[in-house]
Amino acid sequence: MIDSLFNWILSKLARGFDVYVESLPSMASNLGWYLLVVSVALGLEYLSVGWSACSLKKILALSGSVRNDLFAIFLNLSSIGNYIAIMMTFSVLYFALKAMRQASGGEPLIPIGNVWLATLVFVLLADFVMYWFHRFAHRWQAFWDVHAYHHSAEEMTIISGSREHPLFFPLSAFWLLVPTLLIARQPDVGLIFLFIFATRLHGLLIHSNITSDWGWVGRWLLVSPAMHRMHHGQAEDFHDTNFGSLLTAWDRLFGTWKDPRNIDIARIKVGLADIPGNEPPWSYLLNTYTRFLRSLTRFVLSLVGRTSATSSN
């Protein structure tokens, strides 16, 4: 019995290694595209703020916070983060997501023939869904424990936009199932390179050291670096504001928009006062997971307690 179990585990590990090796070319491709987008973002930032304030100077200094940025990027681009997330969730989220995708039959529920229109609708719906996921991540302690990994960056650089704990991706994937199943599969909308490239570039720029609010564009259309820097600020005035990732519309519609005008953006202190973001990478990764499990356990126990109390009444 024990021998059979041991051999089964070995076979799964061997298959996992084979899959990992087979996926190396696509990982290299992902790294290439990421470096391209980062290079463009770094160039635009340098032209805007110069060498003294640019992200590249901070990255080369290799502070503890930047090392955690780079560690997260390595995990997520190499897909090692996916395996870590699967282990940390005991494969529950992985199999749940897989079952939901298979149940949909792989075809969108609302097919849109024009790929440009499908991409636009997908991005709008995905941005709306992620706005609410972002708000929820700031409200529910277990989700906040994971999201705090991103917020704990003690200095903002362009690569801080990619600082996410491996658990973030399966958790956010459930929310993104809504636009994925309704409108189109993500590989389909990814066909329009320029559109996707622009949205990814924007995601990096809002974490840059550019302090502009982008004028009326930043106030009425796209989230600006100034707007997002306020969201990362430690000051209580900035808490629960500016949750948008791409568009300002959702913050304006739901009352969470905070005007960056008349704010000295460059002087905003970022990071978290209670969670240092410069711990050694592996220990910080595991400490984040420990906090998540602790909060999730407390939530489940309180839920069971309330259910039991309701039943007894």
Protein backbone atom coordinates (compact mmCIF):
# COMPACT_ATOMS: atom_id res chain seq x y z
CA MET A 1 0.00 0.00 0.00
CA ILE A 2 2.73 2.45 1.03
CA ASP A 3 4.89 1.40 -1.92
CA SER A 4 2.01 2.00 -4.32
CA LEU A 5 1.36 5.45 -2.86
CA PHE A 6 5.06 6.31 -3.02
CA ASN A 7 5.30 5.19 -6.66
CA TRP A 8 2.16 7.19 -7.52
CA ILE A 9 3.67 10.33 -5.97
CA LEU A 10 6.93 9.76 -7.86
CA SER A 11 5.06 9.33 -11.15
CA LYS A 12 3.16 12.59 -10.59
CA LEU A 13 6.37 14.44 -9.76
CA ALA A 14 8.05 13.04 -12.87
CA ARG A 15 5.09 14.05 -15.03
CA GLY A 16 5.10 17.50 -13.46
CA PHE A 17 8.77 17.89 -14.33
CA ASP A 18 8.10 16.77 -17.92
CA VAL A 19 5.29 19.30 -18.26
CA TYR A 20 7.55 21.99 -16.85
CA VAL A 21 10.31 21.20 -19.37
CA GLU A 22 7.77 21.11 -22.22
CA SER A 23 6.52 24.56 -21.23
CA LEU A 24 9.97 26.19 -21.14
CA PRO A 25 9.71 27.61 -24.69
CA SER A 26 6.42 29.36 -23.86
CA MET A 27 7.96 30.66 -20.63
CA ALA A 28 10.85 32.11 -22.60
CA SER A 29 8.33 33.74 -24.92
CA ASN A 30 6.45 35.21 -21.94
CA LEU A 31 9.71 36.58 -20.54
CA GLY A 32 10.58 38.12 -23.90
CA TRP A 33 7.25 39.95 -24.18
CA TYR A 34 7.44 41.04 -20.53
CA LEU A 35 10.91 42.48 -21.01
CA LEU A 36 9.69 44.31 -24.11
CA VAL A 37 6.81 45.97 -22.25
CA VAL A 38 9.04 46.78 -19.25
CA SER A 39 11.69 48.31 -21.53
CA VAL A 40 9.13 50.59 -23.17
CA ALA A 41 7.74 51.60 -19.77
CA LEU A 42 11.23 52.29 -18.39
CA GLY A 43 12.04 54.43 -21.42
CA LEU A 44 8.86 56.49 -21.09
CA GLU A 45 9.45 56.96 -17.38
CA TYR A 46 13.07 58.03 -17.91
CA LEU A 47 11.99 60.64 -20.45
CA SER A 48 9.45 61.95 -17.93
CA VAL A 49 11.37 61.98 -14.62
CA GLY A 50 15.06 61.58 -15.54
CA TRP A 51 17.65 59.26 -14.01
CA SER A 52 17.47 60.49 -10.41
CA ALA A 53 13.87 59.37 -9.90
CA CYS A 54 13.51 56.56 -12.43
CA SER A 55 12.70 52.94 -11.58
CA LEU A 56 15.83 51.53 -13.20
CA LYS A 57 18.05 53.34 -10.68
CA LYS A 58 16.01 51.88 -7.81
CA ILE A 59 16.01 48.40 -9.35
CA LEU A 60 19.80 48.42 -9.72
CA ALA A 61 20.14 49.42 -6.04
CA LEU A 62 18.47 46.08 -5.18
CA SER A 63 16.74 47.09 -1.96
CA GLY A 64 14.86 44.46 0.00
CA SER A 65 11.59 45.64 -1.48
CA VAL A 66 12.92 45.41 -5.05
CA ARG A 67 14.27 41.92 -4.38
CA ASN A 68 10.74 40.82 -3.49
CA ASP A 69 9.48 42.44 -6.71
CA LEU A 70 12.02 40.49 -8.75
CA PHE A 71 11.32 37.26 -6.84
CA ALA A 72 7.59 37.52 -7.55
CA ILE A 73 8.25 38.21 -11.23
CA PHE A 74 10.55 35.18 -11.46
CA LEU A 75 7.96 32.89 -9.85
CA ASN A 76 5.10 34.08 -11.99
CA LEU A 77 6.91 34.22 -15.34
CA SER A 78 8.54 30.83 -14.84
CA SER A 79 5.21 29.23 -13.86
CA ILE A 80 6.80 28.02 -10.64
CA GLY A 81 4.28 30.30 -8.96
CA ASN A 82 1.46 28.23 -10.48
CA TYR A 83 2.81 25.07 -8.88
CA ILE A 84 3.25 26.86 -5.56
CA ALA A 85 -0.36 28.11 -5.73
CA ILE A 86 -1.62 24.61 -6.52
CA MET A 87 0.21 23.21 -3.49
CA MET A 88 -0.89 26.07 -1.22
CA THR A 89 -4.56 25.55 -2.15
CA PHE A 90 -4.25 21.74 -2.09
CA SER A 91 -5.34 21.77 -5.76
CA VAL A 92 -8.90 22.74 -4.76
CA LEU A 93 -8.98 25.99 -6.74
CA TYR A 94 -7.19 24.42 -9.69
CA PHE A 95 -9.72 21.59 -10.09
CA ALA A 96 -12.66 23.93 -9.44
CA LEU A 97 -11.52 26.32 -12.17
CA LYS A 98 -10.85 23.45 -14.55
CA ALA A 99 -14.31 21.96 -13.93
CA MET A 100 -16.05 25.31 -14.48
CA ARG A 101 -14.21 25.92 -17.74
CA GLN A 102 -15.01 22.41 -18.98
CA ALA A 103 -18.67 22.82 -18.02
CA SER A 104 -18.89 25.88 -20.24
CA GLY A 105 -17.86 23.82 -23.26
CA GLY A 106 -15.12 26.27 -24.17
CA GLU A 107 -17.43 28.55 -26.14
CA PRO A 108 -18.55 32.04 -25.02
CA LEU A 109 -22.17 32.33 -23.87
CA ILE A 110 -22.53 35.63 -25.75
CA PRO A 111 -20.54 35.20 -28.98
CA ILE A 112 -19.38 38.42 -30.62
CA GLY A 113 -18.26 37.96 -34.19
CA ASN A 114 -16.02 41.02 -34.44
CA VAL A 115 -12.77 40.28 -32.59
CA TRP A 116 -12.09 43.99 -31.97
CA LEU A 117 -15.51 44.50 -30.40
CA ALA A 118 -15.17 41.25 -28.44
CA THR A 119 -11.82 42.43 -27.08
CA LEU A 120 -13.21 45.83 -26.10
CA VAL A 121 -16.24 44.33 -24.34
CA PHE A 122 -14.03 41.74 -22.62
CA VAL A 123 -11.62 44.39 -21.32
CA LEU A 124 -14.46 46.60 -20.06
CA LEU A 125 -16.18 43.72 -18.28
CA ALA A 126 -12.92 42.35 -16.90
CA ASP A 127 -11.94 45.78 -15.58
CA PHE A 128 -15.37 46.14 -13.92
CA VAL A 129 -15.09 42.71 -12.32
CA MET A 130 -11.53 43.35 -11.13
CA TYR A 131 -12.60 46.67 -9.61
CA TRP A 132 -14.97 44.76 -7.33
CA PHE A 133 -12.43 42.00 -6.67
CA HIS A 134 -9.97 44.72 -5.66
CA ARG A 135 -12.47 46.29 -3.27
CA PHE A 136 -13.30 42.86 -1.81
CA ALA A 137 -9.58 42.14 -1.37
CA HIS A 138 -9.34 45.24 0.81
CA ARG A 139 -12.38 44.25 2.86
CA TRP A 140 -12.07 40.52 3.59
CA GLN A 141 -9.08 39.74 5.80
CA ALA A 142 -8.06 36.48 4.10
CA PHE A 143 -7.95 38.15 0.68
CA TRP A 144 -6.22 41.18 2.13
CA ASP A 145 -3.47 38.97 3.54
CA VAL A 146 -2.69 37.92 -0.04
CA HIS A 147 -3.16 41.35 -1.62
CA ALA A 148 -1.00 42.98 1.06
CA TYR A 149 1.96 41.25 -0.59
CA HIS A 150 1.49 43.70 -3.49
CA HIS A 151 0.79 46.72 -1.28
CA SER A 152 3.80 46.17 0.95
CA ALA A 153 6.25 47.46 -1.68
CA GLU A 154 8.14 50.18 0.17
CA GLU A 155 9.22 51.95 -2.99
CA MET A 156 7.36 52.16 -6.25
CA THR A 157 9.02 50.98 -9.41
CA ILE A 158 7.62 49.91 -12.73
CA ILE A 159 8.10 46.25 -11.82
CA SER A 160 6.07 46.72 -8.61
CA GLY A 161 3.04 46.27 -10.84
CA SER A 162 4.05 42.61 -11.21
CA ARG A 163 4.57 42.03 -7.49
CA GLU A 164 1.83 39.50 -6.74
CA HIS A 165 1.76 36.49 -4.44
CA PRO A 166 1.16 33.20 -6.33
CA LEU A 167 -2.17 32.83 -4.50
CA PHE A 168 -3.44 36.04 -6.08
CA PHE A 169 -3.81 34.48 -9.52
CA PRO A 170 -6.15 31.54 -8.74
CA LEU A 171 -8.21 33.80 -6.46
CA SER A 172 -8.62 36.49 -9.12
CA ALA A 173 -9.17 33.86 -11.82
CA PHE A 174 -12.57 33.00 -10.32
CA TRP A 175 -13.69 36.59 -10.80
CA LEU A 176 -12.32 36.71 -14.34
CA LEU A 177 -14.35 33.64 -15.23
CA VAL A 178 -17.36 35.95 -15.64
CA PRO A 179 -16.05 37.88 -18.67
CA THR A 180 -14.19 34.82 -19.92
CA LEU A 181 -17.28 32.61 -20.04
CA LEU A 182 -19.68 35.33 -21.14
CA ILE A 183 -17.76 37.06 -23.90
CA ALA A 184 -14.71 35.19 -25.09
CA ARG A 185 -11.84 33.01 -24.06
CA GLN A 186 -8.71 34.90 -23.15
CA PRO A 187 -6.60 33.36 -25.97
CA ASP A 188 -9.12 34.78 -28.45
CA VAL A 189 -8.96 38.35 -27.20
CA GLY A 190 -5.20 38.08 -26.91
CA LEU A 191 -5.01 37.97 -30.70
CA ILE A 192 -5.09 41.76 -30.80
CA PHE A 193 -1.53 42.37 -29.71
CA LEU A 194 -1.54 46.16 -29.79
CA PHE A 195 -4.58 46.47 -27.54
CA ILE A 196 -3.29 43.99 -24.95
CA PHE A 197 0.22 45.45 -25.12
CA ALA A 198 -1.20 48.91 -24.36
CA THR A 199 -3.18 47.70 -21.34
CA ARG A 200 -0.15 45.90 -19.92
CA LEU A 201 2.04 48.91 -20.51
CA HIS A 202 -0.52 51.03 -18.68
CA GLY A 203 -0.47 48.61 -15.73
CA LEU A 204 3.29 49.12 -15.38
CA LEU A 205 3.20 52.89 -15.86
CA ILE A 206 0.73 53.47 -13.03
CA HIS A 207 3.31 51.92 -10.68
CA SER A 208 6.10 54.13 -12.06
CA ASN A 209 7.63 57.26 -10.55
CA ILE A 210 5.75 59.47 -12.98
CA THR A 211 3.67 61.77 -10.79
CA SER A 212 1.38 63.22 -13.45
CA ASP A 213 -2.41 62.93 -13.17
CA TRP A 214 -2.58 62.97 -16.99
CA GLY A 215 -5.00 65.90 -17.00
CA TRP A 216 -8.55 65.23 -18.16
CA VAL A 217 -7.51 61.78 -19.47
CA GLY A 218 -6.53 60.74 -15.95
CA ARG A 219 -9.61 62.29 -14.41
CA TRP A 220 -12.23 60.89 -16.78
CA LEU A 221 -10.77 57.96 -18.72
CA LEU A 222 -7.62 56.11 -17.64
CA VAL A 223 -6.19 55.53 -14.17
CA SER A 224 -3.09 57.74 -13.89
CA PRO A 225 0.16 57.14 -11.97
CA ALA A 226 -0.86 59.89 -9.53
CA MET A 227 -4.24 58.30 -8.91
CA HIS A 228 -2.76 54.86 -8.30
CA ARG A 229 0.10 56.18 -6.16
CA MET A 230 -2.54 57.55 -3.78
CA HIS A 231 -4.10 54.08 -3.59
CA HIS A 232 -0.71 52.72 -2.44
CA GLY A 233 -0.25 55.50 0.12
CA GLN A 234 0.03 54.70 3.82
CA ALA A 235 -1.96 57.77 4.95
CA GLU A 236 -5.47 57.01 6.16
CA ASP A 237 -6.90 59.59 3.74
CA PHE A 238 -5.90 57.32 0.86
CA HIS A 239 -7.42 54.12 2.26
CA ASP A 240 -10.33 52.60 0.33
CA THR A 241 -9.90 54.92 -2.65
CA ASN A 242 -8.94 54.62 -6.32
CA PHE A 243 -9.46 50.87 -6.78
CA GLY A 244 -9.58 51.02 -10.59
CA SER A 245 -6.94 49.18 -12.61
CA LEU A 246 -7.56 50.63 -16.06
CA LEU A 247 -10.56 52.96 -16.14
CA THR A 248 -11.55 55.73 -13.73
CA ALA A 249 -15.25 55.16 -14.48
CA TRP A 250 -15.85 52.56 -11.76
CA ASP A 251 -14.32 54.68 -8.99
CA ARG A 252 -16.41 57.65 -10.09
CA LEU A 253 -19.61 55.61 -10.38
CA PHE A 254 -19.24 53.91 -7.00
CA GLY A 255 -17.87 56.81 -4.97
CA THR A 256 -14.28 55.70 -4.40
CA TRP A 257 -12.51 58.19 -6.67
CA LYS A 258 -10.11 60.58 -4.95
CA ASP A 259 -8.78 63.54 -6.90
CA PRO A 260 -4.95 63.57 -7.09
CA ARG A 261 -4.85 67.28 -7.88
CA ASN A 262 -3.41 69.47 -5.12
CA ILE A 263 -1.65 66.40 -3.66
CA ASP A 264 2.14 66.25 -3.58
CA ILE A 265 2.31 62.82 -5.21
CA ALA A 266 6.10 62.50 -5.00
CA ARG A 267 5.98 62.83 -1.20
CA ILE A 268 3.38 60.11 -0.64
CA LYS A 269 4.82 57.37 1.55
CA VAL A 270 3.90 53.98 0.11
CA GLY A 271 3.88 50.52 1.64
CA LEU A 272 2.24 49.17 4.79
CA ALA A 273 3.04 50.37 8.29
CA ASP A 274 2.30 46.97 9.86
CA ILE A 275 3.81 44.65 7.22
CA PRO A 276 7.39 45.27 6.11
CA GLY A 277 7.87 44.55 2.43
CA ASN A 278 11.62 43.98 2.54
CA GLU A 279 11.77 40.58 4.25
CA PRO A 280 13.83 37.82 2.62
CA PRO A 281 11.79 36.63 -0.39
CA TRP A 282 11.09 33.01 0.57
CA SER A 283 10.23 33.78 4.19
CA TYR A 284 7.99 36.66 3.10
CA LEU A 285 6.22 34.36 0.62
CA LEU A 286 5.57 31.77 3.35
CA ASN A 287 4.66 34.36 6.00
CA THR A 288 2.01 35.74 3.65
CA TYR A 289 0.62 32.24 3.18
CA THR A 290 0.59 31.66 6.94
CA ARG A 291 -1.38 34.85 7.51
CA PHE A 292 -3.83 33.83 4.78
CA LEU A 293 -4.40 30.38 6.31
CA ARG A 294 -4.83 31.86 9.77
CA SER A 295 -7.45 34.35 8.59
CA LEU A 296 -9.23 31.75 6.46
CA THR A 297 -9.36 29.34 9.41
CA ARG A 298 -10.81 32.03 11.69
CA PHE A 299 -13.43 32.86 9.06
CA VAL A 300 -14.46 29.21 8.58
CA LEU A 301 -14.67 28.60 12.35
CA SER A 302 -16.77 31.73 12.87
CA LEU A 303 -19.03 30.68 9.99
CA VAL A 304 -19.45 27.20 11.50
CA GLY A 305 -20.15 28.76 14.88
CA ARG A 306 -22.85 31.05 13.48
CA THR A 307 -24.40 28.18 11.53
CA SER A 308 -24.47 25.98 14.62
CA ALA A 309 -26.03 28.76 16.69
CA THR A 310 -28.71 29.34 14.05
CA SER A 311 -29.49 25.61 13.85
CA SER A 312 -29.82 25.28 17.63
CA ASN A 313 -32.30 28.15 17.71
